[in-house]
Every structure is written in structure tokens, then in C-alpha cells.
ModelCIF file with pLDDT and N, C-alpha, C, O atoms, coordinates in Angstrom:
data_MODEL
#
_entry.id   MODEL 
#
_entity.id                         1 
_entity.type                       polymer 
_entity.pdbx_number_of_molecules   1 
#
_entity_poly.entity_id                      1 
_entity_poly.type                           'polypeptide(L)' 
_entity_poly.nstd_linkage                   no 
_entity_poly.nstd_monomer                   no 
_entity_poly.pdbx_seq_one_letter_code       
;(UNK)(UNK)(UNK)(UNK)(UNK)(UNK)(UNK)(UNK)(UNK)(UNK)(UNK)(UNK)(UNK)(UNK)(UNK)(UNK)
(UNK)(UNK)(UNK)(UNK)(UNK)(UNK)(UNK)(UNK)(UNK)(UNK)(UNK)(UNK)(UNK)(UNK)(UNK)(UNK)
(UNK)(UNK)(UNK)(UNK)(UNK)(UNK)(UNK)(UNK)(UNK)(UNK)(UNK)(UNK)(UNK)
;
_entity_poly.pdbx_seq_one_letter_code_can   XXXXXXXXXXXXXXXXXXXXXXXXXXXXXXXXXXXXXXXXXXXXX 
_entity_poly.pdbx_strand_id                 A 
#
loop_
_entity_poly_seq.entity_id 
_entity_poly_seq.num 
_entity_poly_seq.mon_id 
_entity_poly_seq.hetero 
1 1  UNK n 
1 2  UNK n 
1 3  UNK n 
1 4  UNK n 
1 5  UNK n 
1 6  UNK n 
1 7  UNK n 
1 8  UNK n 
1 9  UNK n 
1 10 UNK n 
1 11 UNK n 
1 12 UNK n 
1 13 UNK n 
1 14 UNK n 
1 15 UNK n 
1 16 UNK n 
1 17 UNK n 
1 18 UNK n 
1 19 UNK n 
1 20 UNK n 
1 21 UNK n 
1 22 UNK n 
1 23 UNK n 
1 24 UNK n 
1 25 UNK n 
1 26 UNK n 
1 27 UNK n 
1 28 UNK n 
1 29 UNK n 
1 30 UNK n 
1 31 UNK n 
1 32 UNK n 
1 33 UNK n 
1 34 UNK n 
1 35 UNK n 
1 36 UNK n 
1 37 UNK n 
1 38 UNK n 
1 39 UNK n 
1 40 UNK n 
1 41 UNK n 
1 42 UNK n 
1 43 UNK n 
1 44 UNK n 
1 45 UNK n 
#
_struct_asym.id          A 
_struct_asym.entity_id   1 
#
loop_
_ma_qa_metric.id 
_ma_qa_metric.mode 
_ma_qa_metric.name 
_ma_qa_metric.software_group_id 
_ma_qa_metric.type 
1 global pLDDT . pLDDT 
2 local  pLDDT . pLDDT 
#
_ma_qa_metric_global.metric_id      1 
_ma_qa_metric_global.metric_value   52.22 
_ma_qa_metric_global.model_id       1 
_ma_qa_metric_global.ordinal_id     1 
#
loop_
_ma_qa_metric_local.label_asym_id 
_ma_qa_metric_local.label_comp_id 
_ma_qa_metric_local.label_seq_id 
_ma_qa_metric_local.metric_id 
_ma_qa_metric_local.metric_value 
_ma_qa_metric_local.model_id 
_ma_qa_metric_local.ordinal_id 
A UNK 1  2 80.00 1 1  
A UNK 2  2 72.00 1 2  
A UNK 3  2 67.00 1 3  
A UNK 4  2 66.00 1 4  
A UNK 5  2 71.00 1 5  
A UNK 6  2 77.00 1 6  
A UNK 7  2 74.00 1 7  
A UNK 8  2 77.00 1 8  
A UNK 9  2 73.00 1 9  
A UNK 10 2 61.00 1 10 
A UNK 11 2 54.00 1 11 
A UNK 12 2 49.00 1 12 
A UNK 13 2 50.00 1 13 
A UNK 14 2 49.00 1 14 
A UNK 15 2 50.00 1 15 
A UNK 16 2 52.00 1 16 
A UNK 17 2 52.00 1 17 
A UNK 18 2 52.00 1 18 
A UNK 19 2 53.00 1 19 
A UNK 20 2 55.00 1 20 
A UNK 21 2 54.00 1 21 
A UNK 22 2 53.00 1 22 
A UNK 23 2 53.00 1 23 
A UNK 24 2 49.00 1 24 
A UNK 25 2 48.00 1 25 
A UNK 26 2 46.00 1 26 
A UNK 27 2 45.00 1 27 
A UNK 28 2 39.00 1 28 
A UNK 29 2 42.00 1 29 
A UNK 30 2 40.00 1 30 
A UNK 31 2 41.00 1 31 
A UNK 32 2 42.00 1 32 
A UNK 33 2 42.00 1 33 
A UNK 34 2 40.00 1 34 
A UNK 35 2 39.00 1 35 
A UNK 36 2 39.00 1 36 
A UNK 37 2 41.00 1 37 
A UNK 38 2 40.00 1 38 
A UNK 39 2 42.00 1 39 
A UNK 40 2 45.00 1 40 
A UNK 41 2 42.00 1 41 
A UNK 42 2 47.00 1 42 
A UNK 43 2 47.00 1 43 
A UNK 44 2 48.00 1 44 
A UNK 45 2 52.00 1 45 
#
loop_
_atom_site.group_PDB 
_atom_site.id 
_atom_site.type_symbol 
_atom_site.label_atom_id 
_atom_site.label_alt_id 
_atom_site.label_comp_id 
_atom_site.label_asym_id 
_atom_site.label_entity_id 
_atom_site.label_seq_id 
_atom_site.pdbx_PDB_ins_code 
_atom_site.Cartn_x 
_atom_site.Cartn_y 
_atom_site.Cartn_z 
_atom_site.occupancy 
_atom_site.B_iso_or_equiv 
_atom_site.pdbx_formal_charge 
_atom_site.auth_seq_id 
_atom_site.auth_comp_id 
_atom_site.auth_asym_id 
_atom_site.auth_atom_id 
_atom_site.pdbx_PDB_model_num 
ATOM 1   N N  . UNK A 1 1  ? -1.132 27.377  -21.075 1.00 80.00 ? 1  UNK A N  1 
ATOM 2   C CA . UNK A 1 1  ? -1.241 28.646  -20.207 1.00 80.00 ? 1  UNK A CA 1 
ATOM 3   C C  . UNK A 1 1  ? -1.738 28.358  -18.582 1.00 80.00 ? 1  UNK A C  1 
ATOM 4   O O  . UNK A 1 1  ? -2.425 27.421  -18.176 1.00 80.00 ? 1  UNK A O  1 
ATOM 5   N N  . UNK A 1 2  ? -1.265 29.266  -17.958 1.00 72.00 ? 2  UNK A N  1 
ATOM 6   C CA . UNK A 1 2  ? -1.613 29.262  -16.323 1.00 72.00 ? 2  UNK A CA 1 
ATOM 7   C C  . UNK A 1 2  ? -3.318 29.147  -16.387 1.00 72.00 ? 2  UNK A C  1 
ATOM 8   O O  . UNK A 1 2  ? -3.945 29.833  -17.195 1.00 72.00 ? 2  UNK A O  1 
ATOM 9   N N  . UNK A 1 3  ? -3.918 28.317  -15.559 1.00 67.00 ? 3  UNK A N  1 
ATOM 10  C CA . UNK A 1 3  ? -4.969 27.953  -15.072 1.00 67.00 ? 3  UNK A CA 1 
ATOM 11  C C  . UNK A 1 3  ? -5.467 27.757  -13.680 1.00 67.00 ? 3  UNK A C  1 
ATOM 12  O O  . UNK A 1 3  ? -4.587 27.654  -12.826 1.00 67.00 ? 3  UNK A O  1 
ATOM 13  N N  . UNK A 1 4  ? -6.517 27.697  -13.346 1.00 66.00 ? 4  UNK A N  1 
ATOM 14  C CA . UNK A 1 4  ? -6.860 27.318  -11.769 1.00 66.00 ? 4  UNK A CA 1 
ATOM 15  C C  . UNK A 1 4  ? -6.727 25.903  -11.512 1.00 66.00 ? 4  UNK A C  1 
ATOM 16  O O  . UNK A 1 4  ? -6.912 25.104  -12.430 1.00 66.00 ? 4  UNK A O  1 
ATOM 17  N N  . UNK A 1 5  ? -6.441 25.541  -10.412 1.00 71.00 ? 5  UNK A N  1 
ATOM 18  C CA . UNK A 1 5  ? -6.471 24.079  -9.838  1.00 71.00 ? 5  UNK A CA 1 
ATOM 19  C C  . UNK A 1 5  ? -6.628 24.039  -8.512  1.00 71.00 ? 5  UNK A C  1 
ATOM 20  O O  . UNK A 1 5  ? -6.399 25.064  -7.869  1.00 71.00 ? 5  UNK A O  1 
ATOM 21  N N  . UNK A 1 6  ? -7.040 22.868  -7.867  1.00 77.00 ? 6  UNK A N  1 
ATOM 22  C CA . UNK A 1 6  ? -7.087 22.504  -6.749  1.00 77.00 ? 6  UNK A CA 1 
ATOM 23  C C  . UNK A 1 6  ? -5.857 21.833  -5.994  1.00 77.00 ? 6  UNK A C  1 
ATOM 24  O O  . UNK A 1 6  ? -5.140 20.993  -6.537  1.00 77.00 ? 6  UNK A O  1 
ATOM 25  N N  . UNK A 1 7  ? -5.701 22.236  -4.830  1.00 74.00 ? 7  UNK A N  1 
ATOM 26  C CA . UNK A 1 7  ? -4.694 21.501  -3.865  1.00 74.00 ? 7  UNK A CA 1 
ATOM 27  C C  . UNK A 1 7  ? -5.357 20.713  -2.768  1.00 74.00 ? 7  UNK A C  1 
ATOM 28  O O  . UNK A 1 7  ? -6.125 21.346  -2.043  1.00 74.00 ? 7  UNK A O  1 
ATOM 29  N N  . UNK A 1 8  ? -5.205 19.591  -2.561  1.00 77.00 ? 8  UNK A N  1 
ATOM 30  C CA . UNK A 1 8  ? -5.632 18.899  -1.246  1.00 77.00 ? 8  UNK A CA 1 
ATOM 31  C C  . UNK A 1 8  ? -4.634 18.014  -0.783  1.00 77.00 ? 8  UNK A C  1 
ATOM 32  O O  . UNK A 1 8  ? -3.584 17.819  -1.395  1.00 77.00 ? 8  UNK A O  1 
ATOM 33  N N  . UNK A 1 9  ? -4.995 17.373  0.484   1.00 73.00 ? 9  UNK A N  1 
ATOM 34  C CA . UNK A 1 9  ? -3.818 16.434  1.095   1.00 73.00 ? 9  UNK A CA 1 
ATOM 35  C C  . UNK A 1 9  ? -4.370 15.138  1.299   1.00 73.00 ? 9  UNK A C  1 
ATOM 36  O O  . UNK A 1 9  ? -5.564 15.023  1.577   1.00 73.00 ? 9  UNK A O  1 
ATOM 37  N N  . UNK A 1 10 ? -3.724 14.287  1.204   1.00 61.00 ? 10 UNK A N  1 
ATOM 38  C CA . UNK A 1 10 ? -4.101 12.792  1.364   1.00 61.00 ? 10 UNK A CA 1 
ATOM 39  C C  . UNK A 1 10 ? -3.587 12.113  2.614   1.00 61.00 ? 10 UNK A C  1 
ATOM 40  O O  . UNK A 1 10 ? -2.482 12.427  3.058   1.00 61.00 ? 10 UNK A O  1 
ATOM 41  N N  . UNK A 1 11 ? -4.382 11.143  3.236   1.00 54.00 ? 11 UNK A N  1 
ATOM 42  C CA . UNK A 1 11 ? -3.731 10.284  4.302   1.00 54.00 ? 11 UNK A CA 1 
ATOM 43  C C  . UNK A 1 11 ? -3.243 9.168   3.839   1.00 54.00 ? 11 UNK A C  1 
ATOM 44  O O  . UNK A 1 11 ? -3.672 8.052   4.134   1.00 54.00 ? 11 UNK A O  1 
ATOM 45  N N  . UNK A 1 12 ? -2.120 9.455   2.927   1.00 49.00 ? 12 UNK A N  1 
ATOM 46  C CA . UNK A 1 12 ? -1.626 8.219   2.426   1.00 49.00 ? 12 UNK A CA 1 
ATOM 47  C C  . UNK A 1 12 ? -0.783 7.206   3.034   1.00 49.00 ? 12 UNK A C  1 
ATOM 48  O O  . UNK A 1 12 ? -0.626 6.068   2.590   1.00 49.00 ? 12 UNK A O  1 
ATOM 49  N N  . UNK A 1 13 ? -0.236 7.703   4.104   1.00 50.00 ? 13 UNK A N  1 
ATOM 50  C CA . UNK A 1 13 ? 0.603  6.783   5.190   1.00 50.00 ? 13 UNK A CA 1 
ATOM 51  C C  . UNK A 1 13 ? -0.557 5.664   5.616   1.00 50.00 ? 13 UNK A C  1 
ATOM 52  O O  . UNK A 1 13 ? -0.420 4.452   5.451   1.00 50.00 ? 13 UNK A O  1 
ATOM 53  N N  . UNK A 1 14 ? -1.531 6.204   6.100   1.00 49.00 ? 14 UNK A N  1 
ATOM 54  C CA . UNK A 1 14 ? -2.520 5.073   6.811   1.00 49.00 ? 14 UNK A CA 1 
ATOM 55  C C  . UNK A 1 14 ? -3.231 4.014   5.855   1.00 49.00 ? 14 UNK A C  1 
ATOM 56  O O  . UNK A 1 14 ? -3.532 2.852   6.132   1.00 49.00 ? 14 UNK A O  1 
ATOM 57  N N  . UNK A 1 15 ? -3.442 4.772   4.546   1.00 50.00 ? 15 UNK A N  1 
ATOM 58  C CA . UNK A 1 15 ? -3.831 3.717   3.576   1.00 50.00 ? 15 UNK A CA 1 
ATOM 59  C C  . UNK A 1 15 ? -2.519 2.758   3.041   1.00 50.00 ? 15 UNK A C  1 
ATOM 60  O O  . UNK A 1 15 ? -2.772 1.576   2.807   1.00 50.00 ? 15 UNK A O  1 
ATOM 61  N N  . UNK A 1 16 ? -1.618 3.075   2.913   1.00 52.00 ? 16 UNK A N  1 
ATOM 62  C CA . UNK A 1 16 ? -0.474 2.247   2.266   1.00 52.00 ? 16 UNK A CA 1 
ATOM 63  C C  . UNK A 1 16 ? -0.294 1.295   3.430   1.00 52.00 ? 16 UNK A C  1 
ATOM 64  O O  . UNK A 1 16 ? -0.112 0.107   3.164   1.00 52.00 ? 16 UNK A O  1 
ATOM 65  N N  . UNK A 1 17 ? -0.330 1.739   4.853   1.00 52.00 ? 17 UNK A N  1 
ATOM 66  C CA . UNK A 1 17 ? 0.141  0.630   5.891   1.00 52.00 ? 17 UNK A CA 1 
ATOM 67  C C  . UNK A 1 17 ? -1.049 -0.245  5.992   1.00 52.00 ? 17 UNK A C  1 
ATOM 68  O O  . UNK A 1 17 ? -0.790 -1.445  6.093   1.00 52.00 ? 17 UNK A O  1 
ATOM 69  N N  . UNK A 1 18 ? -2.561 0.167   5.986   1.00 52.00 ? 18 UNK A N  1 
ATOM 70  C CA . UNK A 1 18 ? -3.538 -0.654  5.890   1.00 52.00 ? 18 UNK A CA 1 
ATOM 71  C C  . UNK A 1 18 ? -3.523 -1.679  4.885   1.00 52.00 ? 18 UNK A C  1 
ATOM 72  O O  . UNK A 1 18 ? -3.843 -2.822  5.210   1.00 52.00 ? 18 UNK A O  1 
ATOM 73  N N  . UNK A 1 19 ? -3.144 -1.374  3.536   1.00 53.00 ? 19 UNK A N  1 
ATOM 74  C CA . UNK A 1 19 ? -3.090 -2.220  2.539   1.00 53.00 ? 19 UNK A CA 1 
ATOM 75  C C  . UNK A 1 19 ? -1.923 -3.498  2.771   1.00 53.00 ? 19 UNK A C  1 
ATOM 76  O O  . UNK A 1 19 ? -2.001 -4.659  2.370   1.00 53.00 ? 19 UNK A O  1 
ATOM 77  N N  . UNK A 1 20 ? -0.857 -2.858  3.543   1.00 55.00 ? 20 UNK A N  1 
ATOM 78  C CA . UNK A 1 20 ? 0.016  -3.858  3.880   1.00 55.00 ? 20 UNK A CA 1 
ATOM 79  C C  . UNK A 1 20 ? -0.575 -4.946  5.024   1.00 55.00 ? 20 UNK A C  1 
ATOM 80  O O  . UNK A 1 20 ? -0.281 -6.134  5.161   1.00 55.00 ? 20 UNK A O  1 
ATOM 81  N N  . UNK A 1 21 ? -1.378 -4.232  5.683   1.00 54.00 ? 21 UNK A N  1 
ATOM 82  C CA . UNK A 1 21 ? -1.586 -4.989  6.895   1.00 54.00 ? 21 UNK A CA 1 
ATOM 83  C C  . UNK A 1 21 ? -2.891 -6.112  6.389   1.00 54.00 ? 21 UNK A C  1 
ATOM 84  O O  . UNK A 1 21 ? -3.060 -7.221  6.895   1.00 54.00 ? 21 UNK A O  1 
ATOM 85  N N  . UNK A 1 22 ? -3.593 -5.616  5.466   1.00 53.00 ? 22 UNK A N  1 
ATOM 86  C CA . UNK A 1 22 ? -4.684 -6.588  4.995   1.00 53.00 ? 22 UNK A CA 1 
ATOM 87  C C  . UNK A 1 22 ? -4.105 -7.632  3.938   1.00 53.00 ? 22 UNK A C  1 
ATOM 88  O O  . UNK A 1 22 ? -4.804 -8.618  3.701   1.00 53.00 ? 22 UNK A O  1 
ATOM 89  N N  . UNK A 1 23 ? -2.932 -7.497  3.311   1.00 53.00 ? 23 UNK A N  1 
ATOM 90  C CA . UNK A 1 23 ? -2.394 -8.404  2.387   1.00 53.00 ? 23 UNK A CA 1 
ATOM 91  C C  . UNK A 1 23 ? -1.962 -9.859  2.956   1.00 53.00 ? 23 UNK A C  1 
ATOM 92  O O  . UNK A 1 23 ? -1.913 -10.752 2.110   1.00 53.00 ? 23 UNK A O  1 
ATOM 93  N N  . UNK A 1 24 ? -1.673 -10.168 4.170   1.00 49.00 ? 24 UNK A N  1 
ATOM 94  C CA . UNK A 1 24 ? -1.591 -11.571 4.338   1.00 49.00 ? 24 UNK A CA 1 
ATOM 95  C C  . UNK A 1 24 ? -2.882 -12.184 4.370   1.00 49.00 ? 24 UNK A C  1 
ATOM 96  O O  . UNK A 1 24 ? -2.862 -13.385 4.103   1.00 49.00 ? 24 UNK A O  1 
ATOM 97  N N  . UNK A 1 25 ? -4.063 -11.656 4.637   1.00 48.00 ? 25 UNK A N  1 
ATOM 98  C CA . UNK A 1 25 ? -5.369 -12.100 4.829   1.00 48.00 ? 25 UNK A CA 1 
ATOM 99  C C  . UNK A 1 25 ? -5.899 -12.607 3.237   1.00 48.00 ? 25 UNK A C  1 
ATOM 100 O O  . UNK A 1 25 ? -6.761 -13.437 2.951   1.00 48.00 ? 25 UNK A O  1 
ATOM 101 N N  . UNK A 1 26 ? -5.210 -11.941 2.524   1.00 46.00 ? 26 UNK A N  1 
ATOM 102 C CA . UNK A 1 26 ? -5.641 -12.202 0.921   1.00 46.00 ? 26 UNK A CA 1 
ATOM 103 C C  . UNK A 1 26 ? -4.589 -13.303 0.327   1.00 46.00 ? 26 UNK A C  1 
ATOM 104 O O  . UNK A 1 26 ? -4.661 -13.703 -0.835  1.00 46.00 ? 26 UNK A O  1 
ATOM 105 N N  . UNK A 1 27 ? -3.685 -13.709 1.185   1.00 45.00 ? 27 UNK A N  1 
ATOM 106 C CA . UNK A 1 27 ? -2.710 -14.610 0.618   1.00 45.00 ? 27 UNK A CA 1 
ATOM 107 C C  . UNK A 1 27 ? -1.514 -14.172 -0.019  1.00 45.00 ? 27 UNK A C  1 
ATOM 108 O O  . UNK A 1 27 ? -0.919 -14.854 -0.854  1.00 45.00 ? 27 UNK A O  1 
ATOM 109 N N  . UNK A 1 28 ? -1.113 -12.917 0.405   1.00 39.00 ? 28 UNK A N  1 
ATOM 110 C CA . UNK A 1 28 ? -0.170 -12.319 -0.266  1.00 39.00 ? 28 UNK A CA 1 
ATOM 111 C C  . UNK A 1 28 ? 1.049  -12.044 0.818   1.00 39.00 ? 28 UNK A C  1 
ATOM 112 O O  . UNK A 1 28 ? 0.856  -11.979 2.032   1.00 39.00 ? 28 UNK A O  1 
ATOM 113 N N  . UNK A 1 29 ? 2.144  -11.915 0.271   1.00 42.00 ? 29 UNK A N  1 
ATOM 114 C CA . UNK A 1 29 ? 3.487  -11.413 1.090   1.00 42.00 ? 29 UNK A CA 1 
ATOM 115 C C  . UNK A 1 29 ? 4.108  -10.378 0.279   1.00 42.00 ? 29 UNK A C  1 
ATOM 116 O O  . UNK A 1 29 ? 3.979  -10.168 -0.927  1.00 42.00 ? 29 UNK A O  1 
ATOM 117 N N  . UNK A 1 30 ? 4.903  -9.684  1.274   1.00 40.00 ? 30 UNK A N  1 
ATOM 118 C CA . UNK A 1 30 ? 5.741  -8.382  0.491   1.00 40.00 ? 30 UNK A CA 1 
ATOM 119 C C  . UNK A 1 30 ? 7.205  -9.314  0.476   1.00 40.00 ? 30 UNK A C  1 
ATOM 120 O O  . UNK A 1 30 ? 7.506  -10.209 1.266   1.00 40.00 ? 30 UNK A O  1 
ATOM 121 N N  . UNK A 1 31 ? 7.951  -8.830  -0.615  1.00 41.00 ? 31 UNK A N  1 
ATOM 122 C CA . UNK A 1 31 ? 9.397  -8.936  -0.574  1.00 41.00 ? 31 UNK A CA 1 
ATOM 123 C C  . UNK A 1 31 ? 9.735  -7.693  -1.298  1.00 41.00 ? 31 UNK A C  1 
ATOM 124 O O  . UNK A 1 31 ? 9.389  -7.371  -2.434  1.00 41.00 ? 31 UNK A O  1 
ATOM 125 N N  . UNK A 1 32 ? 10.624 -6.908  -0.273  1.00 42.00 ? 32 UNK A N  1 
ATOM 126 C CA . UNK A 1 32 ? 10.919 -5.546  -0.448  1.00 42.00 ? 32 UNK A CA 1 
ATOM 127 C C  . UNK A 1 32 ? 9.733  -4.767  -0.835  1.00 42.00 ? 32 UNK A C  1 
ATOM 128 O O  . UNK A 1 32 ? 8.791  -4.662  -0.049  1.00 42.00 ? 32 UNK A O  1 
ATOM 129 N N  . UNK A 1 33 ? 9.716  -4.110  -2.217  1.00 42.00 ? 33 UNK A N  1 
ATOM 130 C CA . UNK A 1 33 ? 8.530  -3.371  -2.516  1.00 42.00 ? 33 UNK A CA 1 
ATOM 131 C C  . UNK A 1 33 ? 7.461  -4.000  -3.133  1.00 42.00 ? 33 UNK A C  1 
ATOM 132 O O  . UNK A 1 33 ? 6.474  -3.408  -3.570  1.00 42.00 ? 33 UNK A O  1 
ATOM 133 N N  . UNK A 1 34 ? 7.664  -5.284  -3.176  1.00 40.00 ? 34 UNK A N  1 
ATOM 134 C CA . UNK A 1 34 ? 6.771  -6.172  -4.342  1.00 40.00 ? 34 UNK A CA 1 
ATOM 135 C C  . UNK A 1 34 ? 5.792  -6.962  -3.212  1.00 40.00 ? 34 UNK A C  1 
ATOM 136 O O  . UNK A 1 34 ? 6.116  -7.314  -2.077  1.00 40.00 ? 34 UNK A O  1 
ATOM 137 N N  . UNK A 1 35 ? 4.689  -7.102  -3.786  1.00 39.00 ? 35 UNK A N  1 
ATOM 138 C CA . UNK A 1 35 ? 3.532  -8.085  -3.173  1.00 39.00 ? 35 UNK A CA 1 
ATOM 139 C C  . UNK A 1 35 ? 3.343  -9.279  -4.050  1.00 39.00 ? 35 UNK A C  1 
ATOM 140 O O  . UNK A 1 35 ? 2.932  -9.242  -5.210  1.00 39.00 ? 35 UNK A O  1 
ATOM 141 N N  . UNK A 1 36 ? 3.667  -10.285 -3.411  1.00 39.00 ? 36 UNK A N  1 
ATOM 142 C CA . UNK A 1 36 ? 3.541  -11.645 -4.274  1.00 39.00 ? 36 UNK A CA 1 
ATOM 143 C C  . UNK A 1 36 ? 2.473  -12.604 -3.486  1.00 39.00 ? 36 UNK A C  1 
ATOM 144 O O  . UNK A 1 36 ? 2.143  -12.625 -2.300  1.00 39.00 ? 36 UNK A O  1 
ATOM 145 N N  . UNK A 1 37 ? 2.086  -13.341 -4.543  1.00 41.00 ? 37 UNK A N  1 
ATOM 146 C CA . UNK A 1 37 ? 1.049  -14.515 -3.898  1.00 41.00 ? 37 UNK A CA 1 
ATOM 147 C C  . UNK A 1 37 ? 1.916  -15.516 -2.910  1.00 41.00 ? 37 UNK A C  1 
ATOM 148 O O  . UNK A 1 37 ? 3.036  -15.903 -3.244  1.00 41.00 ? 37 UNK A O  1 
ATOM 149 N N  . UNK A 1 38 ? 1.424  -15.821 -1.915  1.00 40.00 ? 38 UNK A N  1 
ATOM 150 C CA . UNK A 1 38 ? 2.108  -16.870 -1.055  1.00 40.00 ? 38 UNK A CA 1 
ATOM 151 C C  . UNK A 1 38 ? 1.090  -17.346 0.090   1.00 40.00 ? 38 UNK A C  1 
ATOM 152 O O  . UNK A 1 38 ? 0.089  -16.743 0.476   1.00 40.00 ? 38 UNK A O  1 
ATOM 153 N N  . UNK A 1 39 ? 1.561  -18.503 0.511   1.00 42.00 ? 39 UNK A N  1 
ATOM 154 C CA . UNK A 1 39 ? 0.791  -19.067 1.543   1.00 42.00 ? 39 UNK A CA 1 
ATOM 155 C C  . UNK A 1 39 ? 1.315  -18.313 2.834   1.00 42.00 ? 39 UNK A C  1 
ATOM 156 O O  . UNK A 1 39 ? 0.493  -17.783 3.582   1.00 42.00 ? 39 UNK A O  1 
ATOM 157 N N  . UNK A 1 40 ? 2.584  -18.263 3.088   1.00 45.00 ? 40 UNK A N  1 
ATOM 158 C CA . UNK A 1 40 ? 2.878  -17.610 4.364   1.00 45.00 ? 40 UNK A CA 1 
ATOM 159 C C  . UNK A 1 40 ? 2.408  -16.193 4.621   1.00 45.00 ? 40 UNK A C  1 
ATOM 160 O O  . UNK A 1 40 ? 2.369  -15.417 3.667   1.00 45.00 ? 40 UNK A O  1 
ATOM 161 N N  . UNK A 1 41 ? 2.032  -15.773 5.886   1.00 42.00 ? 41 UNK A N  1 
ATOM 162 C CA . UNK A 1 41 ? 1.639  -14.340 5.899   1.00 42.00 ? 41 UNK A CA 1 
ATOM 163 C C  . UNK A 1 41 ? 2.768  -13.783 6.902   1.00 42.00 ? 41 UNK A C  1 
ATOM 164 O O  . UNK A 1 41 ? 3.096  -14.075 8.052   1.00 42.00 ? 41 UNK A O  1 
ATOM 165 N N  . UNK A 1 42 ? 3.214  -12.851 5.949   1.00 47.00 ? 42 UNK A N  1 
ATOM 166 C CA . UNK A 1 42 ? 4.564  -11.885 6.760   1.00 47.00 ? 42 UNK A CA 1 
ATOM 167 C C  . UNK A 1 42 ? 4.547  -10.706 5.853   1.00 47.00 ? 42 UNK A C  1 
ATOM 168 O O  . UNK A 1 42 ? 4.150  -10.809 4.693   1.00 47.00 ? 42 UNK A O  1 
ATOM 169 N N  . UNK A 1 43 ? 4.985  -9.553  6.377   1.00 47.00 ? 43 UNK A N  1 
ATOM 170 C CA . UNK A 1 43 ? 5.365  -8.422  5.613   1.00 47.00 ? 43 UNK A CA 1 
ATOM 171 C C  . UNK A 1 43 ? 6.785  -8.040  5.962   1.00 47.00 ? 43 UNK A C  1 
ATOM 172 O O  . UNK A 1 43 ? 7.201  -8.055  7.120   1.00 47.00 ? 43 UNK A O  1 
ATOM 173 N N  . UNK A 1 44 ? 7.545  -7.681  4.865   1.00 48.00 ? 44 UNK A N  1 
ATOM 174 C CA . UNK A 1 44 ? 8.753  -7.221  4.921   1.00 48.00 ? 44 UNK A CA 1 
ATOM 175 C C  . UNK A 1 44 ? 8.953  -5.720  4.140   1.00 48.00 ? 44 UNK A C  1 
ATOM 176 O O  . UNK A 1 44 ? 8.610  -5.498  2.978   1.00 48.00 ? 44 UNK A O  1 
ATOM 177 N N  . UNK A 1 45 ? 9.529  -4.844  4.971   1.00 52.00 ? 45 UNK A N  1 
ATOM 178 C CA . UNK A 1 45 ? 9.613  -3.347  4.720   1.00 52.00 ? 45 UNK A CA 1 
ATOM 179 C C  . UNK A 1 45 ? 10.790 -3.171  4.165   1.00 52.00 ? 45 UNK A C  1 
ATOM 180 O O  . UNK A 1 45 ? 11.156 -2.041  3.840   1.00 52.00 ? 45 UNK A O  1 
#
């Protein structure tokens, strides 16, 4: 049955981009939509 709920907005773009930005420092790289362990530091979108 219908109930009361809350609606909020999230700054998801900034969070998503910053996760990509920090990934190289942690020894990861992106291939397409996947994050893979690697020595090289690169981001592929």
C-alpha cells in the first residue's frame, strides 16, 4: 500500500569521477566499464 518516503539528490558524477581519478594510485586501471589490477596508470572511458 502507498506510504510516505523521502526524495534526495546525489552528486554522483563527482563521486564517480573521483573514484576513477584515485584508481591509478591504488594500482588499478580501467578497461571499458571494468576496474582491473595493473601496474600501469591509465583511465579508459
